[in-house]
Amino acid sequence: RFANAYHQKLRERRIVFSVLDEIKGIGEKRKRELIRRFGSVRHVREAPADQIAEVVGPKMAQKVLEYLRQHPDVRYKDEVVR
């Protein structure tokens, strides 16, 4: 239990910059919630709008999906820059 919490905190600290930071209206809290829920930006991009809306609301979910689909050149291997 403690090991899981420790590793989760480490992972959260490593998330310094991602393509989600480029989306107006996505701040640190929403970025962390999206990554926590979906695991990666790639999974956010592949998720249906209604699932993303559960985290950020319907309007922001549309903005997130539009941005990610308009920028298909995002390198998912390095999607989070430390």
C-alpha atoms as a PDB file:
ATOM      1  CA  ARG A   1       0.000   0.000   0.000  1.00  0.00           C
ATOM      2  CA  PHE A   2       2.698   2.487   0.944  1.00  0.00           C
ATOM      3  CA  ALA A   3       4.830   1.492  -2.024  1.00  0.00           C
ATOM      4  CA  ASN A   4       1.947   2.203  -4.396  1.00  0.00           C
ATOM      5  CA  ALA A   5       1.342   5.626  -2.901  1.00  0.00           C
ATOM      6  CA  TYR A   6       5.048   6.417  -3.045  1.00  0.00           C
ATOM      7  CA  HIS A   7       5.337   5.441  -6.710  1.00  0.00           C
ATOM      8  CA  GLN A   8       2.211   7.384  -7.576  1.00  0.00           C
ATOM      9  CA  LYS A   9       3.717  10.507  -5.997  1.00  0.00           C
ATOM     10  CA  LEU A  10       6.940   9.974  -7.920  1.00  0.00           C
ATOM     11  CA  ARG A  11       5.024   9.637 -11.171  1.00  0.00           C
ATOM     12  CA  GLU A  12       3.030  12.786 -10.493  1.00  0.00           C
ATOM     13  CA  ARG A  13       6.200  14.760  -9.800  1.00  0.00           C
ATOM     14  CA  ARG A  14       7.698  13.619 -13.108  1.00  0.00           C
ATOM     15  CA  ILE A  15       4.818  15.121 -15.064  1.00  0.00           C
ATOM     16  CA  VAL A  16       6.309  18.532 -15.713  1.00  0.00           C
ATOM     17  CA  PHE A  17       5.293  19.253 -19.296  1.00  0.00           C
ATOM     18  CA  SER A  18       3.098  17.444 -21.769  1.00  0.00           C
ATOM     19  CA  VAL A  19       1.203  18.295 -24.930  1.00  0.00           C
ATOM     20  CA  LEU A  20      -1.827  18.839 -22.678  1.00  0.00           C
ATOM     21  CA  ASP A  21      -0.143  22.031 -21.449  1.00  0.00           C
ATOM     22  CA  GLU A  22      -0.636  23.492 -24.916  1.00  0.00           C
ATOM     23  CA  ILE A  23      -4.434  23.342 -24.576  1.00  0.00           C
ATOM     24  CA  LYS A  24      -5.982  26.527 -23.220  1.00  0.00           C
ATOM     25  CA  GLY A  25      -8.000  25.717 -20.118  1.00  0.00           C
ATOM     26  CA  ILE A  26      -5.999  22.649 -19.139  1.00  0.00           C
ATOM     27  CA  GLY A  27      -4.038  23.486 -16.048  1.00  0.00           C
ATOM     28  CA  GLU A  28      -1.875  21.414 -13.768  1.00  0.00           C
ATOM     29  CA  LYS A  29      -4.813  19.863 -11.921  1.00  0.00           C
ATOM     30  CA  ARG A  30      -6.759  18.815 -15.022  1.00  0.00           C
ATOM     31  CA  LYS A  31      -3.597  17.522 -16.671  1.00  0.00           C
ATOM     32  CA  ARG A  32      -2.843  15.323 -13.674  1.00  0.00           C
ATOM     33  CA  GLU A  33      -6.446  14.105 -13.531  1.00  0.00           C
ATOM     34  CA  LEU A  34      -6.398  13.154 -17.216  1.00  0.00           C
ATOM     35  CA  ILE A  35      -3.066  11.348 -16.945  1.00  0.00           C
ATOM     36  CA  ARG A  36      -4.172   9.598 -13.764  1.00  0.00           C
ATOM     37  CA  ARG A  37      -7.452   8.476 -15.354  1.00  0.00           C
ATOM     38  CA  PHE A  38      -6.153   7.441 -18.782  1.00  0.00           C
ATOM     39  CA  GLY A  39      -2.500   6.705 -18.090  1.00  0.00           C
ATOM     40  CA  SER A  40      -1.067   8.595 -21.067  1.00  0.00           C
ATOM     41  CA  VAL A  41      -1.790  11.280 -23.637  1.00  0.00           C
ATOM     42  CA  ARG A  42      -2.163   8.550 -26.263  1.00  0.00           C
ATOM     43  CA  HIS A  43      -4.959   6.966 -24.242  1.00  0.00           C
ATOM     44  CA  VAL A  44      -6.613  10.360 -23.795  1.00  0.00           C
ATOM     45  CA  ARG A  45      -6.531  10.837 -27.566  1.00  0.00           C
ATOM     46  CA  GLU A  46      -8.061   7.396 -28.147  1.00  0.00           C
ATOM     47  CA  ALA A  47     -10.765   7.798 -25.480  1.00  0.00           C
ATOM     48  CA  PRO A  48     -14.339   8.713 -26.382  1.00  0.00           C
ATOM     49  CA  ALA A  49     -15.431  12.264 -25.613  1.00  0.00           C
ATOM     50  CA  ASP A  50     -17.898  11.167 -22.938  1.00  0.00           C
ATOM     51  CA  GLN A  51     -15.142   9.495 -20.903  1.00  0.00           C
ATOM     52  CA  ILE A  52     -12.930  12.579 -21.128  1.00  0.00           C
ATOM     53  CA  ALA A  53     -15.946  14.720 -20.205  1.00  0.00           C
ATOM     54  CA  GLU A  54     -16.229  12.809 -16.922  1.00  0.00           C
ATOM     55  CA  VAL A  55     -12.873  14.338 -15.979  1.00  0.00           C
ATOM     56  CA  VAL A  56     -12.921  17.828 -17.528  1.00  0.00           C
ATOM     57  CA  GLY A  57     -16.506  18.464 -18.631  1.00  0.00           C
ATOM     58  CA  PRO A  58     -18.056  18.235 -22.115  1.00  0.00           C
ATOM     59  CA  LYS A  59     -16.803  21.519 -23.621  1.00  0.00           C
ATOM     60  CA  MET A  60     -13.225  20.973 -22.480  1.00  0.00           C
ATOM     61  CA  ALA A  61     -13.374  17.343 -23.631  1.00  0.00           C
ATOM     62  CA  GLN A  62     -14.160  18.577 -27.151  1.00  0.00           C
ATOM     63  CA  LYS A  63     -11.268  21.065 -27.001  1.00  0.00           C
ATOM     64  CA  VAL A  64      -8.874  18.348 -25.836  1.00  0.00           C
ATOM     65  CA  LEU A  65      -9.900  15.918 -28.569  1.00  0.00           C
ATOM     66  CA  GLU A  66      -9.837  18.580 -31.294  1.00  0.00           C
ATOM     67  CA  TYR A  67      -6.355  19.689 -30.278  1.00  0.00           C
ATOM     68  CA  LEU A  68      -4.946  16.168 -30.051  1.00  0.00           C
ATOM     69  CA  ARG A  69      -6.469  15.177 -33.395  1.00  0.00           C
ATOM     70  CA  GLN A  70      -5.168  18.334 -35.086  1.00  0.00           C
ATOM     71  CA  HIS A  71      -1.671  17.520 -33.841  1.00  0.00           C
ATOM     72  CA  PRO A  72      -1.158  13.880 -34.831  1.00  0.00           C
ATOM     73  CA  ASP A  73       2.610  14.386 -34.970  1.00  0.00           C
ATOM     74  CA  VAL A  74       2.890  14.263 -31.174  1.00  0.00           C
ATOM     75  CA  ARG A  75       5.569  11.769 -30.158  1.00  0.00           C
ATOM     76  CA  TYR A  76       3.827   9.553 -27.675  1.00  0.00           C
ATOM     77  CA  LYS A  77       6.994   7.854 -26.496  1.00  0.00           C
ATOM     78  CA  ASP A  78       8.165  11.195 -25.124  1.00  0.00           C
ATOM     79  CA  GLU A  79       4.770  12.689 -24.434  1.00  0.00           C
ATOM     80  CA  VAL A  80       5.791  13.814 -20.972  1.00  0.00           C
ATOM     81  CA  VAL A  81       8.950  15.884 -20.811  1.00  0.00           C
ATOM     82  CA  ARG A  82      10.705  16.032 -17.462  1.00  0.00           C
END
